Amino acid sequence: MNLRDIQESFEALILEARSSTPVAVSAAVSSEILPGGTLAAKDSLLVYSRAYLFRLTEALGETYEAVWRLLGDDDFFEAAANYIALNPSRSHNLSHYGKDFPEFLRTTFPKTEILHDLAKFESKFAELFHKREETGLEPSELVTLTPTASLEFVDSLFFLTAVGPIYAIWKLREHPEPPDIDFTESESVIACKKNGQIFIRESVPGEVQLASLLLEGHSVADSLGRATITPEQVESFFSFIAQARLIRRIIREPV
């Protein structure tokens, strides 16, 4: 066998991590492997195969810790194994793995929408953690904001509304006892990165709706007209994004 054949056969073995009988794959390269200690060549190869499944499961568990807690070990490990079987890692950086795990959970547990929303929150949180922190305009620069203008936000933030109390669950993910939480209560959050830390604001659906419209490029007036939000909530929202400096620039309509 040449080097390419060995590499391709070894990769095939690794990607057959869930197979109960991967002997046919390992046989192609076992004669080229010098085993260590008392392990046979085939058993040496299976160590790598099993380690692949373990490490990707571990990567999912690190990102989706609250989902793991909510599902419990058995259901989480089964879901992770099924996801890994369908989605082999395509990146050298494991922090990129599992970005579509929330959609997988929605399909796997169609009657438990909160799992998707919780996973979406954890995925966005992980993405925000690795993003470069960006500081926007000074609050004083927003004084001249007009209704016809639109806003461009910094990249280091996200908005999310969920069917259940995702942030409350996430905060208690390491609590030793099962948390006493009302799972029927919806929740909205705005998260941003400031001074090297991730700040999470417990919000209301109207604020997230308004933020999403502004993020899509709608003008201030158009966004306010479409969003279901009270005047007090509007004032609180704009005060927050100004003080947190979440606006990169104001885009004014040409005169």
Foldseek 3Di string as FASTA:
>chain_A
DDPVQLVVLLVVLLLCLVDPDSPVSQVSCQVVDDDPDPDRSSVVSNVNSPVQLVVLLVLLCVLLLLLCLVLDPPVSSVLSSVVCNVDPDPDPDSLPPDLCVLVSVCVVCVPCQQSSQLSNVSSLVSVLLPDDADFADALVVCPPADQQKAFAWDPNKDKDKGQFDNVVSVVCSPPPDPDDGDGRDIWIWIWGADPSDIDIDTADPQLSQLVVCSNVPGGNNVSVVPGDDDPVRVVVSSVVCNNRRGTHDMGHDDD
